[in-house]
Protein backbone atom coordinates (compact mmCIF):
# COMPACT_ATOMS: atom_id res chain seq x y z
CA MET A 1 23.63 -10.36 7.54
CA SER A 2 22.44 -6.84 7.55
CA GLY A 3 19.35 -5.59 8.96
CA LYS A 4 17.09 -3.67 6.38
CA ILE A 5 15.13 -0.94 6.03
CA ILE A 6 11.86 -1.61 4.79
CA ILE A 7 9.11 0.32 2.86
CA LEU A 8 5.80 -0.93 2.92
CA THR A 9 2.93 1.11 1.41
CA SER A 10 -0.28 0.37 -0.54
CA GLY A 11 0.85 2.69 -3.00
CA ILE A 12 4.08 1.83 -4.05
CA THR A 13 4.21 -1.82 -2.95
CA THR A 14 7.97 -1.95 -2.14
CA LEU A 15 9.69 -4.25 -0.06
CA GLY A 16 13.35 -4.96 0.69
CA LEU A 17 16.79 -3.47 1.47
CA TYR A 18 16.52 0.30 -0.12
CA GLN A 19 19.90 1.09 -1.77
CA TYR A 20 20.62 4.42 -3.44
CA THR A 21 23.39 5.24 -5.68
CA ASN A 22 24.73 9.10 -5.82
CA SER A 23 26.12 9.11 -9.26
CA LYS A 24 27.09 12.48 -9.05
CA LYS A 25 29.55 11.96 -6.11
CA LYS A 26 30.33 8.44 -7.83
CA LYS A 27 29.81 7.32 -4.70
CA GLN A 28 27.32 4.48 -3.64
CA TYR A 29 25.50 5.09 -0.45
CA ILE A 30 23.79 1.95 1.10
CA PHE A 31 21.32 2.53 4.14
CA THR A 32 21.01 -0.52 6.14
CA THR A 33 20.69 -1.15 10.01
CA LYS A 34 23.48 -3.04 11.79
CA ALA A 35 23.78 -6.79 11.92
CA VAL A 36 20.76 -8.42 12.89
CA SER A 37 21.08 -10.07 16.23
CA ASP A 38 20.03 -13.48 17.60
CA HIS A 39 16.71 -11.44 19.14
CA PRO A 40 16.34 -8.75 16.69
CA THR A 41 14.43 -5.15 17.64
CA SER A 42 12.63 -4.08 14.93
CA ILE A 43 10.78 -0.65 14.63
CA ILE A 44 7.54 -0.10 12.94
CA ILE A 45 6.45 3.42 12.00
CA GLY A 46 2.88 3.97 11.25
CA THR A 47 -0.04 1.72 12.81
CA GLY A 48 -2.57 1.35 9.98
CA ILE A 49 -3.39 -2.00 8.73
CA ILE A 50 0.23 -2.55 7.10
CA GLY A 51 2.02 -1.67 10.29
CA LEU A 52 -0.10 -3.56 12.47
CA THR A 53 -0.12 -6.75 10.54
CA SER A 54 3.70 -6.50 9.88
CA ALA A 55 3.98 -5.96 13.57
CA TYR A 56 2.13 -9.31 14.32
CA TYR A 57 4.02 -11.38 11.96
CA LEU A 58 7.43 -10.05 13.14
CA ALA A 59 6.44 -10.61 16.90
CA LYS A 60 5.35 -13.99 16.03
CA SER A 61 8.73 -14.87 14.78
CA GLY A 62 10.50 -13.82 17.75
CA HIS A 63 11.53 -9.97 17.21
CA LYS A 64 10.88 -7.58 19.91
CA VAL A 65 8.34 -4.76 18.14
CA ILE A 66 7.96 -1.29 18.85
CA CYS A 67 5.56 0.73 16.84
CA ILE A 68 5.65 4.31 16.70
CA GLU A 69 2.58 6.34 15.88
CA LYS A 70 2.41 10.47 15.14
CA ARG A 71 -1.50 10.05 16.08
CA GLU A 72 -2.82 9.34 19.45
CA ASP A 73 -4.06 5.66 18.68
CA VAL A 74 -4.25 3.34 15.61
CA ALA A 75 -5.62 3.38 12.43
CA LEU A 76 -7.00 7.06 12.86
CA GLU A 77 -6.07 8.07 9.12
CA THR A 78 -7.71 4.78 7.46
CA SER A 79 -9.93 5.03 4.85
CA TYR A 80 -13.68 4.24 5.39
CA LYS A 81 -14.76 3.62 1.76
CA ASN A 82 -12.38 2.04 -0.41
CA GLY A 83 -10.17 0.93 2.50
CA ALA A 84 -13.09 -1.60 3.64
CA LEU A 85 -12.85 -3.61 0.53
CA ILE A 86 -10.69 -6.82 0.42
CA CYS A 87 -10.77 -7.48 -3.19
CA PRO A 88 -8.22 -9.61 -4.67
CA SER A 89 -9.85 -9.84 -7.84
CA LEU A 90 -9.48 -5.87 -8.64
CA LEU A 91 -6.06 -6.08 -10.23
CA THR A 92 -6.42 -3.31 -12.55
CA PRO A 93 -3.17 -0.82 -11.88
CA TRP A 94 -4.30 3.02 -11.17
CA ALA A 95 -1.54 3.83 -13.71
CA ASN A 96 -2.89 2.21 -16.77
CA SER A 97 -3.19 2.72 -20.57
CA ASP A 98 -6.95 4.18 -20.32
CA VAL A 99 -6.06 7.24 -17.62
CA PRO A 100 -4.32 9.73 -20.05
CA LYS A 101 -6.86 8.80 -22.83
CA ASN A 102 -10.02 9.09 -20.79
CA TYR A 103 -8.81 12.16 -18.87
CA PHE A 104 -8.18 14.21 -21.85
CA GLN A 105 -11.32 12.85 -24.13
CA SER A 106 -13.31 14.38 -20.98
CA LEU A 107 -11.98 17.69 -20.87
CA PHE A 108 -13.92 17.91 -24.25
CA SER A 109 -16.76 16.00 -23.23
CA SER A 110 -20.32 17.32 -23.32
CA SER A 111 -21.33 14.99 -20.44
CA SER A 112 -23.02 16.82 -17.53
CA LYS A 113 -20.40 15.05 -15.30
CA PRO A 114 -17.17 15.81 -16.60
CA THR A 115 -14.05 14.74 -15.20
CA SER A 116 -12.37 17.19 -13.01
CA VAL A 117 -8.81 17.75 -11.50
CA LYS A 118 -8.11 19.72 -8.49
CA VAL A 119 -4.65 20.81 -8.22
CA TRP A 120 -3.44 23.12 -5.50
CA PRO A 121 -1.46 26.09 -6.89
CA SER A 122 1.61 25.39 -4.87
CA THR A 123 1.85 22.03 -6.41
CA PHE A 124 2.82 23.26 -9.80
CA PHE A 125 6.03 24.74 -7.86
CA SER A 126 6.71 21.26 -6.57
CA VAL A 127 9.83 19.30 -8.37
CA LYS A 128 8.68 16.08 -6.44
CA PHE A 129 5.32 16.35 -8.20
CA TYR A 130 6.72 16.62 -11.84
CA ARG A 131 8.93 13.37 -10.72
CA TRP A 132 6.00 11.69 -9.65
CA ILE A 133 3.98 12.36 -12.32
CA TYR A 134 6.71 11.46 -14.78
CA GLU A 135 7.06 7.83 -13.24
CA TYR A 136 3.08 7.50 -13.11
CA LEU A 137 2.98 8.37 -16.87
CA LYS A 138 5.67 6.04 -17.73
CA ASN A 139 3.47 3.02 -16.06
CA CYS A 140 0.42 4.13 -18.29
CA THR A 141 1.69 2.02 -20.98
CA THR A 142 0.05 -1.32 -21.88
CA LYS A 143 3.38 -3.17 -21.26
CA ALA A 144 3.52 -1.61 -17.65
CA GLN A 145 0.34 -2.46 -16.92
CA ILE A 146 0.64 -6.25 -17.92
CA LYS A 147 3.60 -6.24 -15.38
CA ASN A 148 2.18 -4.40 -12.84
CA ALA A 149 -0.96 -6.31 -12.81
CA THR A 150 1.09 -9.66 -12.48
CA HIS A 151 2.74 -8.27 -9.45
CA LEU A 152 -0.39 -7.24 -8.05
CA LEU A 153 -1.85 -10.60 -8.36
CA THR A 154 0.77 -12.21 -6.57
CA LEU A 155 0.71 -9.57 -3.98
CA SER A 156 -2.91 -9.75 -3.44
CA ASN A 157 -2.71 -13.65 -3.07
CA TYR A 158 -0.43 -13.27 -0.64
CA SER A 159 -2.41 -10.39 1.22
CA ARG A 160 -5.19 -12.59 1.57
CA GLN A 161 -3.53 -15.81 2.66
CA CYS A 162 -1.64 -13.38 5.57
CA LEU A 163 -5.31 -12.00 6.37
CA ASP A 164 -6.53 -15.30 6.52
CA ASN A 165 -3.81 -16.66 8.69
CA ILE A 166 -4.47 -14.06 11.46
CA LEU A 167 -8.18 -14.65 11.53
CA ASN A 168 -7.60 -18.23 11.79
CA GLU A 169 -5.23 -17.71 14.41
CA ASN A 170 -7.47 -15.17 16.53
CA SER A 171 -11.02 -14.26 17.13
CA ILE A 172 -11.22 -11.04 15.46
CA SER A 173 -14.40 -9.14 14.77
CA PHE A 174 -14.50 -6.21 12.23
CA SER A 175 -18.01 -6.19 10.29
CA ARG A 176 -17.07 -8.67 7.84
CA TYR A 177 -20.26 -9.80 5.94
CA SER A 178 -19.87 -9.53 1.95
CA LYS A 179 -19.87 -12.80 0.23
CA GLY A 180 -18.22 -11.38 -3.23
CA SER A 181 -18.08 -8.74 -5.37
CA LEU A 182 -19.58 -7.82 -9.01
CA GLN A 183 -17.59 -5.83 -11.45
CA LEU A 184 -20.20 -4.39 -13.95
CA ALA A 185 -19.30 -3.66 -18.02
CA ILE A 186 -21.65 -1.25 -19.96
CA ASP A 187 -19.85 -2.20 -23.45
CA PRO A 188 -18.23 -4.94 -24.99
CA HIS A 189 -14.58 -3.34 -24.80
CA ILE A 190 -14.95 -2.90 -20.72
CA PHE A 191 -16.26 -6.43 -20.53
CA GLU A 192 -13.28 -7.59 -22.75
CA GLN A 193 -10.81 -5.94 -20.56
CA LEU A 194 -12.75 -7.88 -17.11
CA VAL A 195 -12.28 -10.90 -19.10
CA GLU A 196 -8.78 -10.62 -19.67
CA GLU A 197 -7.84 -9.38 -16.39
CA SER A 198 -9.59 -12.43 -14.74
CA LYS A 199 -8.00 -15.21 -16.65
CA HIS A 200 -5.44 -15.83 -13.83
CA ILE A 201 -7.76 -15.46 -10.96
CA ASN A 202 -9.72 -18.47 -8.98
CA ASN A 203 -13.45 -18.53 -8.13
CA ILE A 204 -14.26 -16.07 -10.97
CA GLN A 205 -17.76 -16.36 -12.54
CA LEU A 206 -18.32 -14.51 -15.80
CA LEU A 207 -21.62 -13.12 -16.68
CA SER A 208 -21.94 -12.41 -20.49
CA THR A 209 -25.57 -11.02 -20.29
CA ALA A 210 -27.35 -8.50 -18.56
CA ASP A 211 -29.95 -11.19 -17.41
CA GLU A 212 -26.98 -13.23 -15.67
CA VAL A 213 -25.69 -10.10 -13.92
CA ILE A 214 -29.60 -9.50 -12.62
CA LYS A 215 -29.60 -12.92 -11.17
CA TYR A 216 -26.64 -12.06 -8.91
CA GLU A 217 -27.64 -8.80 -7.90
CA PRO A 218 -31.54 -8.24 -8.38
CA ILE A 219 -31.15 -4.55 -7.46
CA LEU A 220 -29.82 -3.47 -10.68
CA LYS A 221 -32.76 -4.27 -12.69
CA SER A 222 -34.02 -0.86 -12.80
CA VAL A 223 -30.45 -0.13 -14.96
CA LYS A 224 -30.77 -3.38 -17.16
CA ASP A 225 -30.59 -1.67 -20.49
CA ARG A 226 -27.32 0.00 -19.61
CA LEU A 227 -25.82 -3.36 -18.71
CA TYR A 228 -23.58 -5.46 -21.10
CA GLY A 229 -22.55 -8.06 -18.39
CA GLY A 230 -20.01 -8.50 -15.53
CA VAL A 231 -17.71 -10.41 -13.53
CA PHE A 232 -18.69 -12.10 -10.20
CA SER A 233 -15.63 -12.93 -7.55
CA SER A 234 -16.85 -15.08 -4.46
CA LEU A 235 -13.10 -14.42 -3.07
CA ASP A 236 -13.86 -10.79 -2.53
CA THR A 237 -15.38 -9.35 1.07
CA ASN A 238 -15.23 -6.40 3.21
CA GLY A 239 -14.44 -5.25 6.50
CA ASN A 240 -14.28 -2.19 8.89
CA ILE A 241 -10.29 -1.64 9.09
CA TYR A 242 -10.62 0.70 11.89
CA GLU A 243 -12.22 -2.12 13.92
CA PHE A 244 -9.59 -4.86 12.90
CA CYS A 245 -6.77 -2.73 13.73
CA CYS A 246 -8.09 -1.78 17.32
CA GLU A 247 -8.45 -5.99 17.72
CA LEU A 248 -5.10 -6.47 16.39
CA LYS A 249 -3.78 -3.87 18.67
CA LYS A 250 -5.14 -5.76 21.89
CA ILE A 251 -3.89 -9.03 20.56
CA LEU A 252 -0.32 -7.73 19.57
CA ILE A 253 -0.16 -6.06 23.23
CA GLU A 254 -1.58 -8.89 25.35
CA LYS A 255 -0.25 -11.87 23.38
CA TYR A 256 2.99 -10.71 22.09
CA ASN A 257 4.28 -7.75 24.13
CA VAL A 258 4.50 -5.13 21.26
CA GLN A 259 5.19 -1.83 22.41
CA PHE A 260 3.12 1.12 21.14
CA LEU A 261 4.68 4.91 21.16
CA PHE A 262 1.60 6.97 20.56
CA ASN A 263 1.91 10.69 19.48
CA ASN A 264 5.49 10.10 18.70
CA GLU A 265 7.23 11.20 15.13
CA ILE A 266 10.57 10.45 13.99
CA LYS A 267 12.53 13.45 14.48
CA ASP A 268 15.65 11.96 12.98
CA PHE A 269 17.73 8.91 12.11
CA ILE A 270 21.09 8.14 13.78
CA VAL A 271 23.41 7.40 11.45
CA THR A 272 26.99 6.13 11.30
CA THR A 273 29.53 6.09 8.55
CA THR A 274 31.81 3.05 8.08
CA ILE A 275 34.13 2.37 4.94
CA GLU A 276 34.24 -1.18 3.56
CA SER A 277 37.94 -2.37 3.39
CA ARG A 278 37.53 -4.66 0.43
CA THR A 279 35.40 -2.22 -1.99
CA ASN A 280 36.69 1.23 -0.09
CA GLN A 281 32.81 1.91 -0.52
CA GLN A 282 31.21 4.09 2.06
CA GLN A 283 28.61 2.94 4.06
CA ARG A 284 25.80 4.57 6.26
CA HIS A 285 24.10 2.63 8.83
CA VAL A 286 20.96 3.33 10.82
CA THR A 287 21.80 2.67 14.23
CA GLY A 288 18.86 4.21 15.89
CA ILE A 289 16.03 6.78 15.82
CA LEU A 290 15.14 9.85 17.87
CA THR A 291 11.50 11.06 18.26
CA ASN A 292 9.91 14.51 18.53
CA GLU A 293 9.20 13.37 22.47
CA ASN A 294 13.13 13.26 22.65
CA LYS A 295 12.76 9.23 22.89
CA LYS A 296 16.07 7.83 21.60
CA ILE A 297 15.86 4.35 20.48
CA ASN A 298 19.26 2.74 19.84
CA ASN A 299 20.38 -1.13 18.71
CA ILE A 300 17.88 -1.40 15.93
CA ASP A 301 17.89 -4.39 13.75
CA ASN A 302 15.25 -3.54 11.56
CA ILE A 303 13.03 -0.39 10.53
CA ILE A 304 9.61 -0.89 8.68
CA LEU A 305 8.21 2.19 7.13
CA THR A 306 4.41 1.71 6.75
CA ASN A 307 3.59 5.58 7.16
CA GLY A 308 2.10 5.98 3.60
CA ASN A 309 2.44 9.24 1.86
CA TYR A 310 4.70 10.22 4.97
CA VAL A 311 7.52 7.98 4.05
CA MET A 312 8.66 10.57 1.60
CA PRO A 313 9.71 13.33 3.59
CA LEU A 314 11.18 10.94 6.20
CA MET A 315 13.42 9.14 3.74
CA GLU A 316 14.57 12.49 2.62
CA LYS A 317 16.30 12.74 5.96
CA LEU A 318 18.51 10.12 4.48
CA ASN A 319 19.02 11.74 1.23
CA VAL A 320 16.78 9.14 -0.67
CA TYR A 321 14.08 9.92 -2.83
CA ILE A 322 10.72 7.83 -2.94
CA PRO A 323 8.38 8.15 -5.55
CA VAL A 324 5.08 8.65 -3.52
CA TYR A 325 2.94 11.50 -3.64
CA PRO A 326 -0.51 12.27 -2.03
CA VAL A 327 -3.31 12.01 -4.40
CA LYS A 328 -6.93 12.08 -3.72
CA VAL A 329 -9.58 10.48 -5.88
CA LYS A 330 -13.39 11.50 -5.65
CA ILE A 331 -15.46 9.68 -7.84
CA ASP A 332 -19.22 11.43 -8.47
CA MET A 333 -21.78 8.72 -9.40
């Protein structure tokens, strides 16, 4: 059994063995780690919410876990706004069929608050940007939206279960106080979309009138005339990700002997090449890593990349393209 290079990000939600085929050279390059040992060593790159929860489950299952972080502590680049929401009911992908239409309509809108997009000039000279925007627009079709929403439903249920397991097994305080979320509709079209998206979600309450919405959230009474309906989910909640990560770090160190290397970045992968005799196929195995602090770690069984946008330049060291691009969204209310 081979080890794996696993990529976990909230943006692309990719899990598994990454295989890359270089069709021009007519050779298939498969990047794996070496064969997994009885006491596997797993390297986690990035110590945000995904990296630390991955470390928890790996350490719990018997892995020796080493977390590598370029900053001086965990979760220092976490989001303190949308990142504080734990909402398995919000299944609409960012790439959906309404995005292109709404954007181009806003360009010619007389609204006092038109949609604005700021793109750095250097972006227009980036091939990576055009590759990413092409993949993004391909996923803005209705067919792709339904497919991705189905994946998000499976992932959100699994994610919520994993979080509940961690909280049931440990005493973690992270400012969790909300007991549900309320999605609002200002016209029949939006309400129909919310109803359709809610069909496969449990613990959902459909609010078909503005009066029903006000019962759940009286503060909205002042904008009652603008409301058409809404959807309430009792599953959704909130929390402070930074607090959660700090608490989980203590548990990982004290209970599971997880090692943390802060102020370290991956400088390069240590790669060996072999030829498979049966297929005459060239395989490249990642056998270790080298950090900017000249720390060398060999005999690695698994590498888990949870460093968000930084995964793209890191995988380029292996000549592998990952369709991730940094995008920042600001919504003015």
